[in-house]
Amino acid sequence: MGYFTIDLPGKIKGEVRFGKVMRKFVSVNLFDFFRKKGTKREERRGYIVKIGEGQLYRLLRTKEGEWLNESDTGFQVDKDDETSLAIKKAIEEYEKNLHH
């Protein structure tokens, strides 16, 4: 789990907490069940962004960097609106600067 802050339009600050969200796939093939690898897992990154006094946004992103719009594994994702799109853009900028 990590933490950073982002700047949003209108001089608003957002507190971002992020971590791994694992999705398990269970195979219906009996032989796959007994293999050492077991179930397949898909790793995603979940973000919880707090803006102001308790306004929370939950976002989910694949390992490849694609934003997901559907909720998954008990992690409810907020629908796209002007604020969530600004948050996604700010997170992308932050992570791009972090890796360069």
N, C-alpha and C. Protein backbone atom coordinates (compact mmCIF):
# COMPACT_ATOMS: atom_id res chain seq x y z
N MET A 1 0.84 -1.17 0.00
CA MET A 1 0.00 0.00 0.00
C MET A 1 0.89 1.23 0.00
N GLY A 2 0.48 2.24 -0.76
CA GLY A 2 1.24 3.47 -0.83
C GLY A 2 0.35 4.68 -0.70
N TYR A 3 0.99 5.85 -0.66
CA TYR A 3 0.27 7.09 -0.45
C TYR A 3 0.97 8.21 -1.20
N PHE A 4 0.20 9.08 -1.84
CA PHE A 4 0.74 10.31 -2.40
C PHE A 4 -0.40 11.31 -2.55
N THR A 5 -0.07 12.57 -2.83
CA THR A 5 -1.09 13.59 -3.03
C THR A 5 -1.04 14.07 -4.48
N ILE A 6 -2.19 14.51 -4.97
CA ILE A 6 -2.29 15.02 -6.33
C ILE A 6 -2.95 16.40 -6.30
N ASP A 7 -2.66 17.18 -7.33
CA ASP A 7 -3.30 18.48 -7.51
C ASP A 7 -4.37 18.35 -8.57
N LEU A 8 -5.56 18.84 -8.25
CA LEU A 8 -6.68 18.80 -9.17
C LEU A 8 -7.06 20.21 -9.58
N PRO A 9 -7.83 20.35 -10.66
CA PRO A 9 -8.27 21.69 -11.07
C PRO A 9 -9.01 22.41 -9.94
N GLY A 10 -8.88 23.72 -9.90
CA GLY A 10 -9.53 24.50 -8.85
C GLY A 10 -8.72 24.52 -7.56
N LYS A 11 -7.42 24.23 -7.66
CA LYS A 11 -6.51 24.22 -6.51
C LYS A 11 -6.98 23.27 -5.41
N ILE A 12 -7.50 22.14 -5.82
CA ILE A 12 -7.97 21.12 -4.90
C ILE A 12 -6.89 20.05 -4.77
N LYS A 13 -6.65 19.60 -3.55
CA LYS A 13 -5.69 18.53 -3.29
C LYS A 13 -6.45 17.22 -3.10
N GLY A 14 -5.86 16.16 -3.57
CA GLY A 14 -6.43 14.83 -3.36
C GLY A 14 -5.42 13.93 -2.68
N GLU A 15 -5.85 13.19 -1.68
CA GLU A 15 -5.00 12.23 -0.99
C GLU A 15 -5.26 10.86 -1.60
N VAL A 16 -4.22 10.26 -2.17
CA VAL A 16 -4.37 8.99 -2.89
C VAL A 16 -3.72 7.87 -2.09
N ARG A 17 -4.48 6.83 -1.84
CA ARG A 17 -3.95 5.60 -1.25
C ARG A 17 -4.16 4.51 -2.29
N PHE A 18 -3.15 3.67 -2.44
CA PHE A 18 -3.26 2.64 -3.47
C PHE A 18 -2.66 1.33 -2.98
N GLY A 19 -3.07 0.25 -3.63
CA GLY A 19 -2.56 -1.07 -3.30
C GLY A 19 -3.02 -2.10 -4.32
N LYS A 20 -2.54 -3.31 -4.16
CA LYS A 20 -2.88 -4.40 -5.09
C LYS A 20 -4.25 -4.96 -4.76
N VAL A 21 -4.99 -5.26 -5.81
CA VAL A 21 -6.27 -5.95 -5.71
C VAL A 21 -6.14 -7.20 -6.56
N MET A 22 -6.26 -8.36 -5.94
CA MET A 22 -6.09 -9.62 -6.67
C MET A 22 -7.45 -10.19 -7.05
N ARG A 23 -7.53 -10.69 -8.26
CA ARG A 23 -8.73 -11.36 -8.76
C ARG A 23 -8.35 -12.80 -9.08
N LYS A 24 -9.05 -13.73 -8.49
CA LYS A 24 -8.76 -15.15 -8.73
C LYS A 24 -9.72 -15.71 -9.76
N PHE A 25 -9.18 -16.56 -10.63
CA PHE A 25 -9.98 -17.30 -11.60
C PHE A 25 -9.89 -18.77 -11.23
N VAL A 26 -11.02 -19.39 -11.04
CA VAL A 26 -11.04 -20.81 -10.70
C VAL A 26 -11.31 -21.59 -11.98
N SER A 27 -10.44 -22.53 -12.26
CA SER A 27 -10.59 -23.35 -13.45
C SER A 27 -11.62 -24.44 -13.21
N VAL A 28 -12.36 -24.75 -14.25
CA VAL A 28 -13.33 -25.84 -14.15
C VAL A 28 -12.70 -27.17 -14.52
N ASN A 29 -11.46 -27.14 -15.00
CA ASN A 29 -10.74 -28.35 -15.36
C ASN A 29 -10.17 -28.98 -14.10
N LEU A 30 -10.50 -30.23 -13.83
CA LEU A 30 -10.07 -30.91 -12.61
C LEU A 30 -8.55 -31.04 -12.53
N PHE A 31 -7.88 -31.21 -13.67
CA PHE A 31 -6.42 -31.35 -13.66
C PHE A 31 -5.74 -30.03 -13.26
N ASP A 32 -6.31 -28.91 -13.65
CA ASP A 32 -5.76 -27.61 -13.26
C ASP A 32 -5.85 -27.41 -11.76
N PHE A 33 -6.86 -27.99 -11.15
CA PHE A 33 -7.06 -27.83 -9.71
C PHE A 33 -5.90 -28.45 -8.92
N PHE A 34 -5.33 -29.56 -9.42
CA PHE A 34 -4.28 -30.26 -8.70
C PHE A 34 -2.87 -29.83 -9.09
N ARG A 35 -2.74 -28.98 -10.08
CA ARG A 35 -1.41 -28.50 -10.46
C ARG A 35 -0.88 -27.56 -9.39
N LYS A 36 0.44 -27.41 -9.37
CA LYS A 36 1.06 -26.55 -8.36
C LYS A 36 0.65 -25.09 -8.50
N LYS A 37 0.41 -24.67 -9.73
CA LYS A 37 0.04 -23.28 -9.94
C LYS A 37 -1.34 -22.96 -9.37
N GLY A 38 -2.21 -23.95 -9.32
CA GLY A 38 -3.54 -23.74 -8.75
C GLY A 38 -4.38 -22.79 -9.57
N THR A 39 -5.02 -21.85 -8.90
CA THR A 39 -5.88 -20.91 -9.60
C THR A 39 -5.06 -19.80 -10.23
N LYS A 40 -5.60 -19.25 -11.29
CA LYS A 40 -4.94 -18.12 -11.95
C LYS A 40 -5.33 -16.84 -11.22
N ARG A 41 -4.39 -15.90 -11.16
CA ARG A 41 -4.66 -14.64 -10.49
C ARG A 41 -4.37 -13.48 -11.44
N GLU A 42 -5.19 -12.48 -11.33
CA GLU A 42 -5.00 -11.28 -12.11
C GLU A 42 -4.79 -10.13 -11.13
N GLU A 43 -3.67 -9.43 -11.29
CA GLU A 43 -3.35 -8.35 -10.36
C GLU A 43 -3.81 -7.02 -10.93
N ARG A 44 -4.46 -6.25 -10.09
CA ARG A 44 -4.90 -4.91 -10.46
C ARG A 44 -4.48 -3.96 -9.36
N ARG A 45 -4.53 -2.67 -9.66
CA ARG A 45 -4.17 -1.67 -8.67
C ARG A 45 -5.42 -0.85 -8.33
N GLY A 46 -5.74 -0.83 -7.06
CA GLY A 46 -6.89 -0.07 -6.59
C GLY A 46 -6.44 1.25 -5.98
N TYR A 47 -7.19 2.30 -6.25
CA TYR A 47 -6.90 3.62 -5.71
C TYR A 47 -8.11 4.12 -4.94
N ILE A 48 -7.88 4.67 -3.76
CA ILE A 48 -8.92 5.35 -3.01
C ILE A 48 -8.45 6.78 -2.84
N VAL A 49 -9.20 7.72 -3.39
CA VAL A 49 -8.80 9.12 -3.39
C VAL A 49 -9.78 9.91 -2.52
N LYS A 50 -9.22 10.62 -1.54
CA LYS A 50 -10.04 11.45 -0.65
C LYS A 50 -9.87 12.90 -1.05
N ILE A 51 -11.00 13.56 -1.27
CA ILE A 51 -11.00 14.97 -1.64
C ILE A 51 -11.86 15.71 -0.61
N GLY A 52 -11.30 16.74 -0.03
CA GLY A 52 -12.06 17.54 0.93
C GLY A 52 -12.41 16.75 2.17
N GLU A 53 -13.60 17.01 2.68
CA GLU A 53 -14.06 16.37 3.91
C GLU A 53 -14.84 15.09 3.64
N GLY A 54 -14.14 14.05 3.31
CA GLY A 54 -14.77 12.74 3.19
C GLY A 54 -15.33 12.37 1.84
N GLN A 55 -15.10 13.14 0.80
CA GLN A 55 -15.55 12.74 -0.53
C GLN A 55 -14.54 11.74 -1.08
N LEU A 56 -14.97 10.48 -1.25
CA LEU A 56 -14.08 9.40 -1.68
C LEU A 56 -14.38 8.95 -3.09
N TYR A 57 -13.33 8.66 -3.83
CA TYR A 57 -13.44 8.07 -5.16
C TYR A 57 -12.63 6.78 -5.15
N ARG A 58 -13.21 5.72 -5.70
CA ARG A 58 -12.53 4.43 -5.81
C ARG A 58 -12.32 4.15 -7.29
N LEU A 59 -11.06 3.85 -7.64
CA LEU A 59 -10.69 3.60 -9.03
C LEU A 59 -9.89 2.32 -9.12
N LEU A 60 -9.98 1.65 -10.26
CA LEU A 60 -9.30 0.38 -10.46
C LEU A 60 -8.58 0.41 -11.80
N ARG A 61 -7.34 -0.10 -11.81
CA ARG A 61 -6.50 -0.05 -13.01
C ARG A 61 -5.79 -1.38 -13.20
N THR A 62 -5.67 -1.80 -14.46
CA THR A 62 -4.96 -3.05 -14.75
C THR A 62 -3.45 -2.82 -14.63
N LYS A 63 -2.73 -3.92 -14.63
CA LYS A 63 -1.27 -3.86 -14.58
C LYS A 63 -0.70 -3.14 -15.80
N GLU A 64 -1.42 -3.23 -16.92
CA GLU A 64 -0.99 -2.59 -18.17
C GLU A 64 -1.31 -1.10 -18.20
N GLY A 65 -2.06 -0.60 -17.22
CA GLY A 65 -2.35 0.82 -17.15
C GLY A 65 -3.73 1.23 -17.63
N GLU A 66 -4.59 0.28 -17.95
CA GLU A 66 -5.93 0.58 -18.44
C GLU A 66 -6.89 0.76 -17.25
N TRP A 67 -7.65 1.85 -17.27
CA TRP A 67 -8.63 2.11 -16.22
C TRP A 67 -9.85 1.25 -16.45
N LEU A 68 -10.38 0.68 -15.37
CA LEU A 68 -11.56 -0.18 -15.46
C LEU A 68 -12.78 0.57 -14.95
N ASN A 69 -13.91 0.34 -15.60
CA ASN A 69 -15.14 1.01 -15.20
C ASN A 69 -16.08 0.12 -14.41
N GLU A 70 -15.77 -1.17 -14.36
CA GLU A 70 -16.66 -2.07 -13.63
C GLU A 70 -16.08 -2.40 -12.27
N SER A 71 -16.95 -2.62 -11.32
CA SER A 71 -16.52 -3.02 -9.99
C SER A 71 -16.06 -4.46 -10.04
N ASP A 72 -15.13 -4.80 -9.14
CA ASP A 72 -14.57 -6.15 -9.18
C ASP A 72 -14.11 -6.56 -7.79
N THR A 73 -14.30 -7.80 -7.47
CA THR A 73 -13.81 -8.42 -6.23
C THR A 73 -14.13 -7.58 -5.00
N GLY A 74 -15.34 -7.05 -4.93
CA GLY A 74 -15.74 -6.29 -3.76
C GLY A 74 -15.21 -4.87 -3.73
N PHE A 75 -14.49 -4.46 -4.76
CA PHE A 75 -13.94 -3.10 -4.84
C PHE A 75 -14.86 -2.30 -5.75
N GLN A 76 -15.73 -1.49 -5.17
CA GLN A 76 -16.70 -0.72 -5.95
C GLN A 76 -16.01 0.46 -6.64
N VAL A 77 -16.15 0.55 -7.94
CA VAL A 77 -15.52 1.59 -8.74
C VAL A 77 -16.53 2.70 -9.02
N ASP A 78 -16.08 3.97 -8.87
CA ASP A 78 -16.95 5.10 -9.17
C ASP A 78 -17.08 5.28 -10.67
N LYS A 79 -18.26 5.72 -11.09
CA LYS A 79 -18.52 5.99 -12.51
C LYS A 79 -17.73 7.21 -12.95
N ASP A 80 -17.41 7.25 -14.25
CA ASP A 80 -16.66 8.38 -14.79
C ASP A 80 -17.51 9.65 -14.76
N ASP A 81 -16.94 10.69 -14.17
CA ASP A 81 -17.49 12.03 -14.22
C ASP A 81 -16.32 12.99 -14.35
N GLU A 82 -16.57 14.26 -14.32
CA GLU A 82 -15.51 15.25 -14.52
C GLU A 82 -14.41 15.11 -13.47
N THR A 83 -14.80 14.89 -12.22
CA THR A 83 -13.82 14.78 -11.15
C THR A 83 -13.00 13.50 -11.26
N SER A 84 -13.66 12.36 -11.51
CA SER A 84 -12.91 11.10 -11.60
C SER A 84 -11.95 11.09 -12.78
N LEU A 85 -12.35 11.72 -13.89
CA LEU A 85 -11.44 11.82 -15.04
C LEU A 85 -10.23 12.70 -14.72
N ALA A 86 -10.45 13.78 -13.96
CA ALA A 86 -9.33 14.64 -13.53
C ALA A 86 -8.41 13.89 -12.58
N ILE A 87 -8.99 13.06 -11.71
CA ILE A 87 -8.20 12.25 -10.78
C ILE A 87 -7.34 11.26 -11.56
N LYS A 88 -7.93 10.56 -12.52
CA LYS A 88 -7.18 9.59 -13.33
C LYS A 88 -6.02 10.25 -14.05
N LYS A 89 -6.27 11.42 -14.62
CA LYS A 89 -5.22 12.14 -15.33
C LYS A 89 -4.10 12.55 -14.38
N ALA A 90 -4.45 13.03 -13.19
CA ALA A 90 -3.45 13.44 -12.20
C ALA A 90 -2.63 12.25 -11.71
N ILE A 91 -3.27 11.10 -11.52
CA ILE A 91 -2.55 9.89 -11.10
C ILE A 91 -1.58 9.45 -12.20
N GLU A 92 -2.04 9.46 -13.44
CA GLU A 92 -1.16 9.10 -14.56
C GLU A 92 0.05 10.03 -14.63
N GLU A 93 -0.17 11.33 -14.46
CA GLU A 93 0.94 12.30 -14.47
C GLU A 93 1.92 12.02 -13.34
N TYR A 94 1.39 11.77 -12.15
CA TYR A 94 2.23 11.50 -11.00
C TYR A 94 3.10 10.26 -11.23
N GLU A 95 2.46 9.17 -11.68
CA GLU A 95 3.19 7.93 -11.89
C GLU A 95 4.18 8.03 -13.05
N LYS A 96 3.84 8.81 -14.08
CA LYS A 96 4.75 9.02 -15.20
C LYS A 96 6.01 9.76 -14.71
N ASN A 97 5.83 10.79 -13.90
CA ASN A 97 6.95 11.55 -13.35
C ASN A 97 7.78 10.72 -12.37
N LEU A 98 7.12 9.81 -11.70
CA LEU A 98 7.79 8.94 -10.73
C LEU A 98 8.76 7.99 -11.42
N HIS A 99 8.40 7.52 -12.61
CA HIS A 99 9.21 6.54 -13.33
C HIS A 99 10.25 7.16 -14.25
N HIS A 100 10.27 8.48 -14.35
CA HIS A 100 11.26 9.13 -15.20
C HIS A 100 12.27 9.88 -14.39
